[in-house]
């Protein structure tokens, strides 16, 4: 998301796989040192060294320097504003006349929906 493209991409799935198992990732110049470090640890090929898979589990990720100012409780409680709110664009949707829903005169599944 920070780069605008995935870390491993190619035309053929086998090429993507080869890039993943090689463990080499190139980052854009605008990535900070902390972001590069976090991504290197998340994309680690060796499972015994990959963040989220180590003994502390998710704590390795949450306590990383890149998340230093992140308040995970506030995010969970939705008490902080979103960093980006996209503009709603309705131009690509057609306007159509809504049709009323009709209720069937026979119940096809009365037992399944008895308590519904």
PDB file of N, CA and C in Angstrom:
ATOM      1  N   UNK A   1       0.825  -1.196   0.000  1.00  0.00           N
ATOM      2  CA  UNK A   1       0.000   0.000   0.000  1.00  0.00           C
ATOM      3  C   UNK A   1       0.869   1.259   0.000  1.00  0.00           C
ATOM      4  N   UNK A   2       1.965   1.217   0.669  1.00  0.00           N
ATOM      5  CA  UNK A   2       2.828   2.400   0.700  1.00  0.00           C
ATOM      6  C   UNK A   2       3.494   2.657  -0.643  1.00  0.00           C
ATOM      7  N   UNK A   3       3.736   1.592  -1.404  1.00  0.00           N
ATOM      8  CA  UNK A   3       4.405   1.747  -2.695  1.00  0.00           C
ATOM      9  C   UNK A   3       3.415   1.926  -3.831  1.00  0.00           C
ATOM     10  N   UNK A   4       2.228   1.395  -3.683  1.00  0.00           N
ATOM     11  CA  UNK A   4       1.252   1.451  -4.766  1.00  0.00           C
ATOM     12  C   UNK A   4       1.278   0.207  -5.631  1.00  0.00           C
ATOM     13  N   UNK A   5       2.113  -0.760  -5.269  1.00  0.00           N
ATOM     14  CA  UNK A   5       2.186  -2.039  -5.980  1.00  0.00           C
ATOM     15  C   UNK A   5       2.688  -3.098  -4.995  1.00  0.00           C
ATOM     16  N   UNK A   6       2.422  -4.382  -5.271  1.00  0.00           N
ATOM     17  CA  UNK A   6       2.835  -5.433  -4.340  1.00  0.00           C
ATOM     18  C   UNK A   6       4.355  -5.625  -4.343  1.00  0.00           C
ATOM     19  N   UNK A   7       4.905  -6.205  -3.278  1.00  0.00           N
ATOM     20  CA  UNK A   7       6.356  -6.395  -3.218  1.00  0.00           C
ATOM     21  C   UNK A   7       6.873  -7.394  -4.253  1.00  0.00           C
ATOM     22  N   UNK A   8       6.043  -8.352  -4.653  1.00  0.00           N
ATOM     23  CA  UNK A   8       6.429  -9.341  -5.653  1.00  0.00           C
ATOM     24  C   UNK A   8       5.390  -9.325  -6.757  1.00  0.00           C
ATOM     25  N   UNK A   9       5.803  -8.996  -7.959  1.00  0.00           N
ATOM     26  CA  UNK A   9       4.859  -9.018  -9.069  1.00  0.00           C
ATOM     27  C   UNK A   9       5.585  -9.431 -10.343  1.00  0.00           C
ATOM     28  N   UNK A  10       4.848 -10.104 -11.219  1.00  0.00           N
ATOM     29  CA  UNK A  10       5.367 -10.556 -12.510  1.00  0.00           C
ATOM     30  C   UNK A  10       4.179 -10.976 -13.361  1.00  0.00           C
ATOM     31  N   UNK A  11       4.455 -11.276 -14.617  1.00  0.00           N
ATOM     32  CA  UNK A  11       3.385 -11.680 -15.527  1.00  0.00           C
ATOM     33  C   UNK A  11       2.890 -13.097 -15.249  1.00  0.00           C
ATOM     34  N   UNK A  12       3.784 -13.970 -14.862  1.00  0.00           N
ATOM     35  CA  UNK A  12       3.435 -15.375 -14.648  1.00  0.00           C
ATOM     36  C   UNK A  12       3.524 -15.731 -13.161  1.00  0.00           C
ATOM     37  N   UNK A  13       2.599 -16.573 -12.670  1.00  0.00           N
ATOM     38  CA  UNK A  13       2.630 -16.979 -11.257  1.00  0.00           C
ATOM     39  C   UNK A  13       3.952 -17.613 -10.834  1.00  0.00           C
ATOM     40  N   UNK A  14       4.575 -18.401 -11.705  1.00  0.00           N
ATOM     41  CA  UNK A  14       5.840 -19.039 -11.340  1.00  0.00           C
ATOM     42  C   UNK A  14       6.938 -18.003 -11.121  1.00  0.00           C
ATOM     43  N   UNK A  15       6.897 -16.913 -11.869  1.00  0.00           N
ATOM     44  CA  UNK A  15       7.878 -15.841 -11.687  1.00  0.00           C
ATOM     45  C   UNK A  15       7.673 -15.149 -10.340  1.00  0.00           C
ATOM     46  N   UNK A  16       6.420 -14.980  -9.945  1.00  0.00           N
ATOM     47  CA  UNK A  16       6.121 -14.391  -8.631  1.00  0.00           C
ATOM     48  C   UNK A  16       6.667 -15.301  -7.541  1.00  0.00           C
ATOM     49  N   UNK A  17       6.411 -16.597  -7.680  1.00  0.00           N
ATOM     50  CA  UNK A  17       6.890 -17.570  -6.699  1.00  0.00           C
ATOM     51  C   UNK A  17       8.415 -17.510  -6.582  1.00  0.00           C
ATOM     52  N   UNK A  18       9.105 -17.466  -7.714  1.00  0.00           N
ATOM     53  CA  UNK A  18      10.570 -17.407  -7.700  1.00  0.00           C
ATOM     54  C   UNK A  18      11.069 -16.159  -6.979  1.00  0.00           C
ATOM     55  N   UNK A  19      10.390 -15.046  -7.170  1.00  0.00           N
ATOM     56  CA  UNK A  19      10.780 -13.811  -6.488  1.00  0.00           C
ATOM     57  C   UNK A  19      10.561 -13.927  -4.980  1.00  0.00           C
ATOM     58  N   UNK A  20       9.463 -14.572  -4.590  1.00  0.00           N
ATOM     59  CA  UNK A  20       9.167 -14.731  -3.159  1.00  0.00           C
ATOM     60  C   UNK A  20      10.233 -15.585  -2.491  1.00  0.00           C
ATOM     61  N   UNK A  21      10.549 -16.748  -3.072  1.00  0.00           N
ATOM     62  CA  UNK A  21      11.515 -17.649  -2.431  1.00  0.00           C
ATOM     63  C   UNK A  21      12.947 -17.126  -2.506  1.00  0.00           C
ATOM     64  N   UNK A  22      13.225 -16.190  -3.416  1.00  0.00           N
ATOM     65  CA  UNK A  22      14.573 -15.617  -3.472  1.00  0.00           C
ATOM     66  C   UNK A  22      14.831 -14.728  -2.258  1.00  0.00           C
ATOM     67  N   UNK A  23      13.770 -14.135  -1.711  1.00  0.00           N
ATOM     68  CA  UNK A  23      13.910 -13.294  -0.532  1.00  0.00           C
ATOM     69  C   UNK A  23      14.418 -11.893  -0.810  1.00  0.00           C
ATOM     70  N   UNK A  24      14.602 -11.554  -2.075  1.00  0.00           N
ATOM     71  CA  UNK A  24      15.088 -10.213  -2.411  1.00  0.00           C
ATOM     72  C   UNK A  24      13.905  -9.303  -2.715  1.00  0.00           C
ATOM     73  N   UNK A  25      13.905  -8.155  -2.059  1.00  0.00           N
ATOM     74  CA  UNK A  25      12.842  -7.178  -2.265  1.00  0.00           C
ATOM     75  C   UNK A  25      13.492  -5.816  -2.473  1.00  0.00           C
ATOM     76  N   UNK A  26      12.988  -5.079  -3.437  1.00  0.00           N
ATOM     77  CA  UNK A  26      13.452  -3.705  -3.655  1.00  0.00           C
ATOM     78  C   UNK A  26      12.372  -2.760  -3.166  1.00  0.00           C
ATOM     79  N   UNK A  27      12.815  -1.747  -2.443  1.00  0.00           N
ATOM     80  CA  UNK A  27      11.876  -0.776  -1.906  1.00  0.00           C
ATOM     81  C   UNK A  27      12.065   0.569  -2.599  1.00  0.00           C
ATOM     82  N   UNK A  28      10.989   1.324  -2.758  1.00  0.00           N
ATOM     83  CA  UNK A  28      11.111   2.666  -3.337  1.00  0.00           C
ATOM     84  C   UNK A  28      11.973   3.566  -2.448  1.00  0.00           C
ATOM     85  N   UNK A  29      12.550   4.566  -3.044  1.00  0.00           N
ATOM     86  CA  UNK A  29      13.429   5.486  -2.309  1.00  0.00           C
ATOM     87  C   UNK A  29      12.708   6.241  -1.205  1.00  0.00           C
ATOM     88  N   UNK A  30      11.401   6.454  -1.353  1.00  0.00           N
ATOM     89  CA  UNK A  30      10.691   7.247  -0.348  1.00  0.00           C
ATOM     90  C   UNK A  30      10.348   6.447   0.914  1.00  0.00           C
ATOM     91  N   UNK A  31      10.630   5.147   0.949  1.00  0.00           N
ATOM     92  CA  UNK A  31      10.377   4.351   2.154  1.00  0.00           C
ATOM     93  C   UNK A  31      11.385   4.733   3.233  1.00  0.00           C
ATOM     94  N   UNK A  32      10.907   4.880   4.458  1.00  0.00           N
ATOM     95  CA  UNK A  32      11.799   5.184   5.571  1.00  0.00           C
ATOM     96  C   UNK A  32      12.573   3.927   5.963  1.00  0.00           C
ATOM     97  N   UNK A  33      13.636   4.124   6.711  1.00  0.00           N
ATOM     98  CA  UNK A  33      14.442   3.004   7.198  1.00  0.00           C
ATOM     99  C   UNK A  33      13.575   2.074   8.048  1.00  0.00           C
ATOM    100  N   UNK A  34      12.719   2.662   8.894  1.00  0.00           N
ATOM    101  CA  UNK A  34      11.854   1.854   9.754  1.00  0.00           C
ATOM    102  C   UNK A  34      10.862   1.025   8.949  1.00  0.00           C
ATOM    103  N   UNK A  35      10.276   1.604   7.914  1.00  0.00           N
ATOM    104  CA  UNK A  35       9.322   0.867   7.084  1.00  0.00           C
ATOM    105  C   UNK A  35      10.024  -0.268   6.344  1.00  0.00           C
ATOM    106  N   UNK A  36      11.206  -0.002   5.817  1.00  0.00           N
ATOM    107  CA  UNK A  36      11.966  -1.050   5.130  1.00  0.00           C
ATOM    108  C   UNK A  36      12.282  -2.195   6.084  1.00  0.00           C
ATOM    109  N   UNK A  37      12.686  -1.855   7.300  1.00  0.00           N
ATOM    110  CA  UNK A  37      13.011  -2.881   8.290  1.00  0.00           C
ATOM    111  C   UNK A  37      11.783  -3.724   8.626  1.00  0.00           C
ATOM    112  N   UNK A  38      10.647  -3.080   8.839  1.00  0.00           N
ATOM    113  CA  UNK A  38       9.415  -3.808   9.143  1.00  0.00           C
ATOM    114  C   UNK A  38       9.057  -4.753   8.003  1.00  0.00           C
ATOM    115  N   UNK A  39       9.077  -4.251   6.779  1.00  0.00           N
ATOM    116  CA  UNK A  39       8.705  -5.077   5.629  1.00  0.00           C
ATOM    117  C   UNK A  39       9.680  -6.224   5.406  1.00  0.00           C
ATOM    118  N   UNK A  40      10.965  -5.982   5.598  1.00  0.00           N
ATOM    119  CA  UNK A  40      11.953  -7.064   5.462  1.00  0.00           C
ATOM    120  C   UNK A  40      11.656  -8.182   6.452  1.00  0.00           C
ATOM    121  N   UNK A  41      11.268  -7.807   7.672  1.00  0.00           N
ATOM    122  CA  UNK A  41      10.968  -8.816   8.686  1.00  0.00           C
ATOM    123  C   UNK A  41       9.634  -9.514   8.443  1.00  0.00           C
ATOM    124  N   UNK A  42       8.681  -8.823   7.853  1.00  0.00           N
ATOM    125  CA  UNK A  42       7.394  -9.452   7.532  1.00  0.00           C
ATOM    126  C   UNK A  42       7.497 -10.355   6.304  1.00  0.00           C
ATOM    127  N   UNK A  43       8.368 -10.001   5.366  1.00  0.00           N
ATOM    128  CA  UNK A  43       8.527 -10.766   4.127  1.00  0.00           C
ATOM    129  C   UNK A  43       9.677 -11.768   4.213  1.00  0.00           C
ATOM    130  N   UNK A  44      10.183 -11.994   5.399  1.00  0.00           N
ATOM    131  CA  UNK A  44      11.289 -12.919   5.630  1.00  0.00           C
ATOM    132  C   UNK A  44      10.920 -14.320   5.135  1.00  0.00           C
ATOM    133  N   UNK A  45      11.760 -14.910   4.286  1.00  0.00           N
ATOM    134  CA  UNK A  45      11.505 -16.251   3.756  1.00  0.00           C
ATOM    135  C   UNK A  45      11.651 -17.296   4.854  1.00  0.00           C
ATOM    136  N   UNK A  46      12.641 -17.135   5.716  1.00  0.00           N
ATOM    137  CA  UNK A  46      12.896 -18.081   6.808  1.00  0.00           C
ATOM    138  C   UNK A  46      11.832 -17.908   7.890  1.00  0.00           C
ATOM    139  N   UNK A  47      10.980 -18.921   8.033  1.00  0.00           N
ATOM    140  CA  UNK A  47       9.880 -18.839   9.007  1.00  0.00           C
ATOM    141  C   UNK A  47      10.365 -18.652  10.439  1.00  0.00           C
ATOM    142  N   UNK A  48      11.563 -19.126  10.754  1.00  0.00           N
ATOM    143  CA  UNK A  48      12.062 -19.009  12.123  1.00  0.00           C
ATOM    144  C   UNK A  48      12.516 -17.591  12.453  1.00  0.00           C
ATOM    145  N   UNK A  49      12.558 -16.707  11.442  1.00  0.00           N
ATOM    146  CA  UNK A  49      12.972 -15.318  11.662  1.00  0.00           C
ATOM    147  C   UNK A  49      11.900 -14.310  11.271  1.00  0.00           C
ATOM    148  N   UNK A  50      10.764 -14.780  10.789  1.00  0.00           N
ATOM    149  CA  UNK A  50       9.709 -13.886  10.286  1.00  0.00           C
ATOM    150  C   UNK A  50       8.884 -13.303  11.436  1.00  0.00           C
ATOM    151  N   UNK A  51       8.663 -11.973  11.381  1.00  0.00           N
ATOM    152  CA  UNK A  51       7.820 -11.312  12.381  1.00  0.00           C
ATOM    153  C   UNK A  51       6.413 -11.900  12.349  1.00  0.00           C
ATOM    154  N   UNK A  52       5.847 -12.037  13.535  1.00  0.00           N
ATOM    155  CA  UNK A  52       4.517 -12.618  13.658  1.00  0.00           C
ATOM    156  C   UNK A  52       4.595 -14.115  13.859  1.00  0.00           C
ATOM    157  N   UNK A  53       5.747 -14.695  13.545  1.00  0.00           N
ATOM    158  CA  UNK A  53       5.930 -16.134  13.658  1.00  0.00           C
ATOM    159  C   UNK A  53       6.904 -16.480  14.781  1.00  0.00           C
ATOM    160  N   UNK A  54       7.495 -15.465  15.387  1.00  0.00           N
ATOM    161  CA  UNK A  54       8.453 -15.674  16.463  1.00  0.00           C
ATOM    162  C   UNK A  54       7.720 -15.848  17.790  1.00  0.00           C
ATOM    163  N   UNK A  55       8.458 -16.119  18.838  1.00  0.00           N
ATOM    164  CA  UNK A  55       7.848 -16.370  20.144  1.00  0.00           C
ATOM    165  C   UNK A  55       6.931 -15.237  20.616  1.00  0.00           C
ATOM    166  N   UNK A  56       7.320 -13.961  20.483  1.00  0.00           N
ATOM    167  CA  UNK A  56       6.410 -12.890  20.918  1.00  0.00           C
ATOM    168  C   UNK A  56       5.162 -12.732  20.043  1.00  0.00           C
ATOM    169  N   UNK A  57       5.135 -13.416  18.895  1.00  0.00           N
ATOM    170  CA  UNK A  57       3.960 -13.352  18.021  1.00  0.00           C
ATOM    171  C   UNK A  57       3.747 -11.967  17.440  1.00  0.00           C
ATOM    172  N   UNK A  58       2.514 -11.496  17.516  1.00  0.00           N
ATOM    173  CA  UNK A  58       2.146 -10.210  16.912  1.00  0.00           C
ATOM    174  C   UNK A  58       2.826  -9.032  17.615  1.00  0.00           C
ATOM    175  N   UNK A  59       3.310  -9.253  18.822  1.00  0.00           N
ATOM    176  CA  UNK A  59       3.975  -8.173  19.560  1.00  0.00           C
ATOM    177  C   UNK A  59       5.202  -7.639  18.824  1.00  0.00           C
ATOM    178  N   UNK A  60       5.916  -8.526  18.104  1.00  0.00           N
ATOM    179  CA  UNK A  60       7.058  -8.068  17.298  1.00  0.00           C
ATOM    180  C   UNK A  60       6.629  -6.991  16.320  1.00  0.00           C
ATOM    181  N   UNK A  61       5.463  -7.169  15.745  1.00  0.00           N
ATOM    182  CA  UNK A  61       4.949  -6.216  14.760  1.00  0.00           C
ATOM    183  C   UNK A  61       4.452  -4.955  15.457  1.00  0.00           C
ATOM    184  N   UNK A  62       3.617  -5.122  16.467  1.00  0.00           N
ATOM    185  CA  UNK A  62       3.009  -3.973  17.141  1.00  0.00           C
ATOM    186  C   UNK A  62       4.028  -3.090  17.857  1.00  0.00           C
ATOM    187  N   UNK A  63       5.148  -3.680  18.291  1.00  0.00           N
ATOM    188  CA  UNK A  63       6.158  -2.916  19.016  1.00  0.00           C
ATOM    189  C   UNK A  63       7.306  -2.454  18.116  1.00  0.00           C
ATOM    190  N   UNK A  64       7.172  -2.655  16.830  1.00  0.00           N
ATOM    191  CA  UNK A  64       8.214  -2.214  15.894  1.00  0.00           C
ATOM    192  C   UNK A  64       8.275  -0.686  15.860  1.00  0.00           C
ATOM    193  N   UNK A  65       9.457  -0.158  15.553  1.00  0.00           N
ATOM    194  CA  UNK A  65       9.669   1.302  15.515  1.00  0.00           C
ATOM    195  C   UNK A  65       8.705   2.010  14.565  1.00  0.00           C
ATOM    196  N   UNK A  66       8.337   1.372  13.459  1.00  0.00           N
ATOM    197  CA  UNK A  66       7.455   2.024  12.489  1.00  0.00           C
ATOM    198  C   UNK A  66       6.077   2.289  13.085  1.00  0.00           C
ATOM    199  N   UNK A  67       5.656   1.476  14.047  1.00  0.00           N
ATOM    200  CA  UNK A  67       4.365   1.651  14.711  1.00  0.00           C
ATOM    201  C   UNK A  67       4.498   2.409  16.030  1.00  0.00           C
ATOM    202  N   UNK A  68       5.624   3.042  16.259  1.00  0.00           N
ATOM    203  CA  UNK A  68       5.919   3.712  17.531  1.00  0.00           C
ATOM    204  C   UNK A  68       4.791   4.626  18.009  1.00  0.00           C
ATOM    205  N   UNK A  69       4.214   5.432  17.135  1.00  0.00           N
ATOM    206  CA  UNK A  69       3.183   6.392  17.535  1.00  0.00           C
ATOM    207  C   UNK A  69       1.764   5.864  17.332  1.00  0.00           C
ATOM    208  N   UNK A  70       1.631   4.588  17.045  1.00  0.00           N
ATOM    209  CA  UNK A  70       0.325   3.997  16.750  1.00  0.00           C
ATOM    210  C   UNK A  70      -0.387   3.604  18.046  1.00  0.00           C
ATOM    211  N   UNK A  71      -1.614   4.063  18.200  1.00  0.00           N
ATOM    212  CA  UNK A  71      -2.434   3.701  19.356  1.00  0.00           C
ATOM    213  C   UNK A  71      -3.434   2.635  18.906  1.00  0.00           C
ATOM    214  N   UNK A  72      -3.052   1.376  19.087  1.00  0.00           N
ATOM    215  CA  UNK A  72      -3.877   0.273  18.598  1.00  0.00           C
ATOM    216  C   UNK A  72      -5.232   0.190  19.300  1.00  0.00           C
ATOM    217  N   UNK A  73      -5.293   0.587  20.556  1.00  0.00           N
ATOM    218  CA  UNK A  73      -6.570   0.581  21.284  1.00  0.00           C
ATOM    219  C   UNK A  73      -7.517   1.607  20.675  1.00  0.00           C
ATOM    220  N   UNK A  74      -7.012   2.797  20.376  1.00  0.00           N
ATOM    221  CA  UNK A  74      -7.847   3.843  19.766  1.00  0.00           C
ATOM    222  C   UNK A  74      -8.341   3.408  18.386  1.00  0.00           C
ATOM    223  N   UNK A  75      -7.498   2.704  17.645  1.00  0.00           N
ATOM    224  CA  UNK A  75      -7.927   2.196  16.340  1.00  0.00           C
ATOM    225  C   UNK A  75      -9.031   1.170  16.527  1.00  0.00           C
ATOM    226  N   UNK A  76      -8.836   0.262  17.467  1.00  0.00           N
ATOM    227  CA  UNK A  76      -9.843  -0.765  17.740  1.00  0.00           C
ATOM    228  C   UNK A  76     -11.177  -0.138  18.159  1.00  0.00           C
ATOM    229  N   UNK A  77     -11.099   0.882  18.985  1.00  0.00           N
ATOM    230  CA  UNK A  77     -12.318   1.550  19.463  1.00  0.00           C
ATOM    231  C   UNK A  77     -12.870   2.557  18.460  1.00  0.00           C
ATOM    232  N   UNK A  78     -12.178   2.739  17.352  1.00  0.00           N
ATOM    233  CA  UNK A  78     -12.580   3.674  16.295  1.00  0.00           C
ATOM    234  C   UNK A  78     -12.752   5.098  16.827  1.00  0.00           C
ATOM    235  N   UNK A  79     -11.852   5.477  17.739  1.00  0.00           N
ATOM    236  CA  UNK A  79     -11.950   6.800  18.348  1.00  0.00           C
ATOM    237  C   UNK A  79     -10.991   7.813  17.721  1.00  0.00           C
ATOM    238  N   UNK A  80     -10.253   7.411  16.711  1.00  0.00           N
ATOM    239  CA  UNK A  80      -9.383   8.353  16.010  1.00  0.00           C
ATOM    240  C   UNK A  80      -9.854   8.475  14.562  1.00  0.00           C
ATOM    241  N   UNK A  81      -9.655   9.635  13.962  1.00  0.00           N
ATOM    242  CA  UNK A  81     -10.116   9.802  12.575  1.00  0.00           C
ATOM    243  C   UNK A  81      -9.261   8.990  11.602  1.00  0.00           C
ATOM    244  N   UNK A  82      -9.863   8.568  10.528  1.00  0.00           N
ATOM    245  CA  UNK A  82      -9.138   7.833   9.493  1.00  0.00           C
ATOM    246  C   UNK A  82      -8.107   8.751   8.845  1.00  0.00           C
ATOM    247  N   UNK A  83      -6.923   8.232   8.523  1.00  0.00           N
ATOM    248  CA  UNK A  83      -5.904   9.082   7.904  1.00  0.00           C
ATOM    249  C   UNK A  83      -6.253   9.479   6.476  1.00  0.00           C
ATOM    250  N   UNK A  84      -7.129   8.717   5.843  1.00  0.00           N
ATOM    251  CA  UNK A  84      -7.518   9.015   4.465  1.00  0.00           C
ATOM    252  C   UNK A  84      -8.973   8.618   4.268  1.00  0.00           C
ATOM    253  N   UNK A  85      -9.774   9.539   3.805  1.00  0.00           N
ATOM    254  CA  UNK A  85     -11.177   9.253   3.496  1.00  0.00           C
ATOM    255  C   UNK A  85     -11.365   9.557   2.015  1.00  0.00           C
ATOM    256  N   UNK A  86     -11.589   8.520   1.208  1.00  0.00           N
ATOM    257  CA  UNK A  86     -11.703   8.757  -0.236  1.00  0.00           C
ATOM    258  C   UNK A  86     -12.953   9.537  -0.595  1.00  0.00           C
ATOM    259  N   UNK A  87     -12.835  10.297  -1.669  1.00  0.00           N
ATOM    260  CA  UNK A  87     -13.972  11.052  -2.175  1.00  0.00           C
ATOM    261  C   UNK A  87     -14.906  10.073  -2.871  1.00  0.00           C
ATOM    262  N   UNK A  88     -16.187  10.162  -2.583  1.00  0.00           N
ATOM    263  CA  UNK A  88     -17.169   9.287  -3.203  1.00  0.00           C
ATOM    264  C   UNK A  88     -17.485   9.788  -4.601  1.00  0.00           C
ATOM    265  N   UNK A  89     -17.365   8.901  -5.572  1.00  0.00           N
ATOM    266  CA  UNK A  89     -17.622   9.249  -6.965  1.00  0.00           C
ATOM    267  C   UNK A  89     -18.747   8.362  -7.479  1.00  0.00           C
ATOM    268  N   UNK A  90     -19.860   8.956  -7.804  1.00  0.00           N
ATOM    269  CA  UNK A  90     -21.020   8.195  -8.271  1.00  0.00           C
ATOM    270  C   UNK A  90     -21.193   8.246  -9.789  1.00  0.00           C
ATOM    271  N   UNK A  91     -20.233   8.804 -10.499  1.00  0.00           N
ATOM    272  CA  UNK A  91     -20.360   8.966 -11.946  1.00  0.00           C
ATOM    273  C   UNK A  91     -20.432   7.648 -12.706  1.00  0.00           C
ATOM    274  N   UNK A  92     -19.834   6.609 -12.192  1.00  0.00           N
ATOM    275  CA  UNK A  92     -19.775   5.340 -12.916  1.00  0.00           C
ATOM    276  C   UNK A  92     -20.967   4.427 -12.644  1.00  0.00           C
ATOM    277  N   UNK A  93     -21.941   4.905 -11.913  1.00  0.00           N
ATOM    278  CA  UNK A  93     -23.118   4.095 -11.614  1.00  0.00           C
ATOM    279  C   UNK A  93     -24.309   4.602 -12.416  1.00  0.00           C
ATOM    280  N   UNK A  94     -25.017   3.667 -12.999  1.00  0.00           N
ATOM    281  CA  UNK A  94     -26.199   4.041 -13.767  1.00  0.00           C
ATOM    282  C   UNK A  94     -27.367   4.317 -12.828  1.00  0.00           C
ATOM    283  N   UNK A  95     -28.231   5.211 -13.246  1.00  0.00           N
ATOM    284  CA  UNK A  95     -29.453   5.478 -12.492  1.00  0.00           C
ATOM    285  C   UNK A  95     -30.526   4.559 -13.058  1.00  0.00           C
ATOM    286  N   UNK A  96     -31.167   3.840 -12.193  1.00  0.00           N
ATOM    287  CA  UNK A  96     -32.204   2.926 -12.648  1.00  0.00           C
ATOM    288  C   UNK A  96     -33.399   3.016 -11.709  1.00  0.00           C
ATOM    289  N   UNK A  97     -34.517   2.608 -12.196  1.00  0.00           N
ATOM    290  CA  UNK A  97     -35.743   2.658 -11.415  1.00  0.00           C
ATOM    291  C   UNK A  97     -35.809   1.429 -10.512  1.00  0.00           C
ATOM    292  N   UNK A  98     -36.005   1.692  -9.250  1.00  0.00           N
ATOM    293  CA  UNK A  98     -36.092   0.581  -8.307  1.00  0.00           C
ATOM    294  C   UNK A  98     -37.407  -0.149  -8.482  1.00  0.00           C
ATOM    295  N   UNK A  99     -37.360  -1.464  -8.372  1.00  0.00           N
ATOM    296  CA  UNK A  99     -38.563  -2.269  -8.491  1.00  0.00           C
ATOM    297  C   UNK A  99     -38.954  -2.770  -7.110  1.00  0.00           C
ATOM    298  N   UNK A 100     -40.224  -2.699  -6.792  1.00  0.00           N
ATOM    299  CA  UNK A 100     -40.658  -3.156  -5.468  1.00  0.00           C
ATOM    300  C   UNK A 100     -40.497  -4.668  -5.332  1.00  0.00           C
ATOM    301  N   UNK A 101     -40.164  -5.097  -4.124  1.00  0.00           N
ATOM    302  CA  UNK A 101     -40.043  -6.525  -3.850  1.00  0.00           C
ATOM    303  C   UNK A 101     -41.417  -7.107  -3.574  1.00  0.00           C
ATOM    304  N   UNK A 102     -41.645  -8.276  -4.084  1.00  0.00           N
ATOM    305  CA  UNK A 102     -42.924  -8.940  -3.827  1.00  0.00           C
ATOM    306  C   UNK A 102     -42.689 -10.116  -2.901  1.00  0.00           C
ATOM    307  N   UNK A 103     -43.634 -10.357  -2.026  1.00  0.00           N
ATOM    308  CA  UNK A 103     -43.561 -11.480  -1.099  1.00  0.00           C
ATOM    309  C   UNK A 103     -44.257 -12.663  -1.752  1.00  0.00           C
ATOM    310  N   UNK A 104     -43.601 -13.798  -1.694  1.00  0.00           N
ATOM    311  CA  UNK A 104     -44.159 -14.999  -2.315  1.00  0.00           C
ATOM    312  C   UNK A 104     -45.430 -15.434  -1.591  1.00  0.00           C
ATOM    313  N   UNK A 105     -46.362 -15.982  -2.336  1.00  0.00           N
ATOM    314  CA  UNK A 105     -47.613 -16.447  -1.727  1.00  0.00           C
ATOM    315  C   UNK A 105     -47.430 -17.809  -1.062  1.00  0.00           C
ATOM    316  N   UNK A 106     -46.356 -18.509  -1.369  1.00  0.00           N
ATOM    317  CA  UNK A 106     -46.090 -19.810  -0.731  1.00  0.00           C
ATOM    318  C   UNK A 106     -44.727 -19.764  -0.058  1.00  0.00           C
ATOM    319  N   UNK A 107     -44.653 -20.411   1.088  1.00  0.00           N
ATOM    320  CA  UNK A 107     -43.383 -20.504   1.799  1.00  0.00           C
ATOM    321  C   UNK A 107     -42.690 -21.781   1.361  1.00  0.00           C
ATOM    322  N   UNK A 108     -41.489 -21.650   0.848  1.00  0.00           N
ATOM    323  CA  UNK A 108     -40.777 -22.816   0.349  1.00  0.00           C
ATOM    324  C   UNK A 108     -39.960 -23.510   1.441  1.00  0.00           C
ATOM    325  N   UNK A 109     -39.558 -22.778   2.457  1.00  0.00           N
ATOM    326  CA  UNK A 109     -38.722 -23.348   3.512  1.00  0.00           C
ATOM    327  C   UNK A 109     -39.237 -22.933   4.895  1.00  0.00           C
ATOM    328  N   UNK A 110     -40.442 -23.342   5.271  1.00  0.00           N
ATOM    329  CA  UNK A 110     -41.005 -22.882   6.545  1.00  0.00           C
ATOM    330  C   UNK A 110     -40.235 -23.381   7.766  1.00  0.00           C
ATOM    331  N   UNK A 111     -39.743 -24.616   7.741  1.00  0.00           N
ATOM    332  CA  UNK A 111     -39.025 -25.146   8.912  1.00  0.00           C
ATOM    333  C   UNK A 111     -37.682 -24.445   9.116  1.00  0.00           C
ATOM    334  N   UNK A 112     -36.975 -24.175   8.040  1.00  0.00           N
ATOM    335  CA  UNK A 112     -35.657 -23.561   8.146  1.00  0.00           C
ATOM    336  C   UNK A 112     -35.722 -22.147   8.727  1.00  0.00           C
ATOM    337  N   UNK A 113     -36.844 -21.460   8.474  1.00  0.00           N
ATOM    338  CA  UNK A 113     -36.966 -20.080   8.922  1.00  0.00           C
ATOM    339  C   UNK A 113     -38.050 -19.894   9.980  1.00  0.00           C
ATOM    340  N   UNK A 114     -38.368 -20.938  10.716  1.00  0.00           N
ATOM    341  CA  UNK A 114     -39.420 -20.855  11.731  1.00  0.00           C
ATOM    342  C   UNK A 114     -39.073 -19.835  12.817  1.00  0.00           C
ATOM    343  N   UNK A 115     -37.815 -19.765  13.222  1.00  0.00           N
ATOM    344  CA  UNK A 115     -37.396 -18.847  14.294  1.00  0.00           C
ATOM    345  C   UNK A 115     -36.786 -17.558  13.757  1.00  0.00           C
ATOM    346  N   UNK A 116     -36.888 -17.330  12.489  1.00  0.00           N
ATOM    347  CA  UNK A 116     -36.243 -16.185  11.859  1.00  0.00           C
ATOM    348  C   UNK A 116     -37.037 -14.922  12.064  1.00  0.00           C
TER     349      UNK A 116
END
